[in-house]
Amino acid sequence: LGLFVRSLIGLDRAAAKRAFDGFIHARKLTAHQLEFVNMMIDHLTERGAMDPRLLYASPFTDLDPSGVAGLFGDGEVVQLIQILQDVQGKAAA
């Protein structure tokens, strides 16, 4: 039920940003990387959750043809996907 409601109303922007705070502050992101993360935050704000497969599709591939894998290292990709799964898990709880 929580996921359904969140899909209708989205996620509070401040909460979406907080989900990525640790990731952003732990590294020095390039402009494209920061834009990519902001696009993820926008998606969460609008839809409440995000399927990680979308990180390899447009509009994310507009920044790099390989999507998330083109802008971040393997470990960072895993961390970003974990953030998305955590956000979704909190909605489902």
C-alpha atoms as a PDB file:
ATOM      1  CA  LEU A   1       0.000   0.000   0.000  1.00  0.00           C
ATOM      2  CA  GLY A   2       2.855   2.393   0.854  1.00  0.00           C
ATOM      3  CA  LEU A   3       4.420   2.021  -2.593  1.00  0.00           C
ATOM      4  CA  PHE A   4       1.085   2.655  -4.280  1.00  0.00           C
ATOM      5  CA  VAL A   5       0.443   5.814  -2.286  1.00  0.00           C
ATOM      6  CA  ARG A   6       3.971   7.058  -2.880  1.00  0.00           C
ATOM      7  CA  SER A   7       3.617   6.402  -6.614  1.00  0.00           C
ATOM      8  CA  LEU A   8       0.635   8.759  -6.579  1.00  0.00           C
ATOM      9  CA  ILE A   9       2.081  11.564  -4.491  1.00  0.00           C
ATOM     10  CA  GLY A  10       5.837  11.132  -4.943  1.00  0.00           C
ATOM     11  CA  LEU A  11       8.470  11.590  -2.284  1.00  0.00           C
ATOM     12  CA  ASP A  12       9.142  14.785  -0.383  1.00  0.00           C
ATOM     13  CA  ARG A  13      12.066  16.539  -2.106  1.00  0.00           C
ATOM     14  CA  ALA A  14      13.925  17.058   1.164  1.00  0.00           C
ATOM     15  CA  ALA A  15      13.612  13.338   1.963  1.00  0.00           C
ATOM     16  CA  ALA A  16      14.844  12.407  -1.515  1.00  0.00           C
ATOM     17  CA  LYS A  17      17.854  14.692  -1.118  1.00  0.00           C
ATOM     18  CA  ARG A  18      18.615  13.273   2.339  1.00  0.00           C
ATOM     19  CA  ALA A  19      18.730   9.781   0.854  1.00  0.00           C
ATOM     20  CA  PHE A  20      21.691  10.854  -1.305  1.00  0.00           C
ATOM     21  CA  ASP A  21      23.473  13.116   1.213  1.00  0.00           C
ATOM     22  CA  GLY A  22      26.043  10.547   2.283  1.00  0.00           C
ATOM     23  CA  PHE A  23      26.814   9.595  -1.305  1.00  0.00           C
ATOM     24  CA  ILE A  24      27.212  13.198  -2.465  1.00  0.00           C
ATOM     25  CA  HIS A  25      29.289  14.384   0.487  1.00  0.00           C
ATOM     26  CA  ALA A  26      31.623  11.377   0.436  1.00  0.00           C
ATOM     27  CA  ARG A  27      33.110  12.321  -2.941  1.00  0.00           C
ATOM     28  CA  LYS A  28      33.769  15.212  -5.265  1.00  0.00           C
ATOM     29  CA  LEU A  29      31.253  14.804  -8.078  1.00  0.00           C
ATOM     30  CA  THR A  30      31.700  16.192 -11.560  1.00  0.00           C
ATOM     31  CA  ALA A  31      28.998  18.436 -12.986  1.00  0.00           C
ATOM     32  CA  HIS A  32      27.564  15.527 -15.006  1.00  0.00           C
ATOM     33  CA  GLN A  33      27.580  13.214 -12.000  1.00  0.00           C
ATOM     34  CA  LEU A  34      25.807  15.802  -9.870  1.00  0.00           C
ATOM     35  CA  GLU A  35      23.257  16.395 -12.611  1.00  0.00           C
ATOM     36  CA  PHE A  36      22.691  12.630 -12.821  1.00  0.00           C
ATOM     37  CA  VAL A  37      22.052  12.373  -9.062  1.00  0.00           C
ATOM     38  CA  ASN A  38      19.728  15.383  -9.243  1.00  0.00           C
ATOM     39  CA  MET A  39      17.790  13.637 -12.014  1.00  0.00           C
ATOM     40  CA  MET A  40      17.403  10.638  -9.709  1.00  0.00           C
ATOM     41  CA  ILE A  41      16.141  12.947  -6.956  1.00  0.00           C
ATOM     42  CA  ASP A  42      13.689  14.536  -9.407  1.00  0.00           C
ATOM     43  CA  HIS A  43      12.389  11.099 -10.391  1.00  0.00           C
ATOM     44  CA  LEU A  44      11.890  10.096  -6.759  1.00  0.00           C
ATOM     45  CA  THR A  45      10.165  13.387  -6.017  1.00  0.00           C
ATOM     46  CA  GLU A  46       7.738  12.858  -8.885  1.00  0.00           C
ATOM     47  CA  ARG A  47       7.145   9.106  -8.627  1.00  0.00           C
ATOM     48  CA  GLY A  48       8.171   8.088  -5.127  1.00  0.00           C
ATOM     49  CA  ALA A  49      10.340   5.139  -6.190  1.00  0.00           C
ATOM     50  CA  MET A  50      12.630   4.218  -9.047  1.00  0.00           C
ATOM     51  CA  ASP A  51      13.477   0.977 -10.788  1.00  0.00           C
ATOM     52  CA  PRO A  52      17.296   0.842 -11.047  1.00  0.00           C
ATOM     53  CA  ARG A  53      17.001  -0.313 -14.664  1.00  0.00           C
ATOM     54  CA  LEU A  54      15.929   3.229 -15.523  1.00  0.00           C
ATOM     55  CA  LEU A  55      19.493   4.370 -14.793  1.00  0.00           C
ATOM     56  CA  TYR A  56      20.447   2.806 -18.134  1.00  0.00           C
ATOM     57  CA  ALA A  57      17.690   4.484 -20.159  1.00  0.00           C
ATOM     58  CA  SER A  58      16.758   7.974 -21.309  1.00  0.00           C
ATOM     59  CA  PRO A  59      16.939  10.618 -19.906  1.00  0.00           C
ATOM     60  CA  PHE A  60      19.878   9.198 -17.927  1.00  0.00           C
ATOM     61  CA  THR A  61      21.633   8.062 -21.088  1.00  0.00           C
ATOM     62  CA  ASP A  62      21.463  11.632 -22.355  1.00  0.00           C
ATOM     63  CA  LEU A  63      24.385  12.438 -20.045  1.00  0.00           C
ATOM     64  CA  ASP A  64      26.355   9.341 -21.051  1.00  0.00           C
ATOM     65  CA  PRO A  65      25.335   6.610 -23.523  1.00  0.00           C
ATOM     66  CA  SER A  66      26.099   3.955 -20.876  1.00  0.00           C
ATOM     67  CA  GLY A  67      23.888   5.636 -18.285  1.00  0.00           C
ATOM     68  CA  VAL A  68      24.987   5.272 -14.683  1.00  0.00           C
ATOM     69  CA  ALA A  69      27.852   2.919 -15.614  1.00  0.00           C
ATOM     70  CA  GLY A  70      29.390   5.571 -17.837  1.00  0.00           C
ATOM     71  CA  LEU A  71      29.549   8.194 -15.118  1.00  0.00           C
ATOM     72  CA  PHE A  72      30.267   6.191 -11.973  1.00  0.00           C
ATOM     73  CA  GLY A  73      32.549   3.332 -10.978  1.00  0.00           C
ATOM     74  CA  ASP A  74      31.165  -0.106 -10.159  1.00  0.00           C
ATOM     75  CA  GLY A  75      31.172   0.497  -6.416  1.00  0.00           C
ATOM     76  CA  GLU A  76      29.367   3.801  -6.813  1.00  0.00           C
ATOM     77  CA  VAL A  77      26.748   2.193  -9.068  1.00  0.00           C
ATOM     78  CA  VAL A  78      26.114  -0.395  -6.353  1.00  0.00           C
ATOM     79  CA  GLN A  79      25.740   2.380  -3.771  1.00  0.00           C
ATOM     80  CA  LEU A  80      23.281   4.329  -5.934  1.00  0.00           C
ATOM     81  CA  ILE A  81      21.183   1.230  -6.550  1.00  0.00           C
ATOM     82  CA  GLN A  82      21.239   0.490  -2.814  1.00  0.00           C
ATOM     83  CA  ILE A  83      19.935   3.996  -2.111  1.00  0.00           C
ATOM     84  CA  LEU A  84      17.043   3.402  -4.521  1.00  0.00           C
ATOM     85  CA  GLN A  85      16.286   0.053  -2.892  1.00  0.00           C
ATOM     86  CA  ASP A  86      16.387   1.623   0.572  1.00  0.00           C
ATOM     87  CA  VAL A  87      13.941   4.338  -0.475  1.00  0.00           C
ATOM     88  CA  GLN A  88      11.615   1.724  -1.931  1.00  0.00           C
ATOM     89  CA  GLY A  89      11.947  -0.483   1.139  1.00  0.00           C
ATOM     90  CA  LYS A  90      10.936   2.347   3.439  1.00  0.00           C
ATOM     91  CA  ALA A  91       7.821   2.966   1.354  1.00  0.00           C
ATOM     92  CA  ALA A  92       6.886  -0.709   1.450  1.00  0.00           C
ATOM     93  CA  ALA A  93       7.279  -0.935   5.221  1.00  0.00           C
END
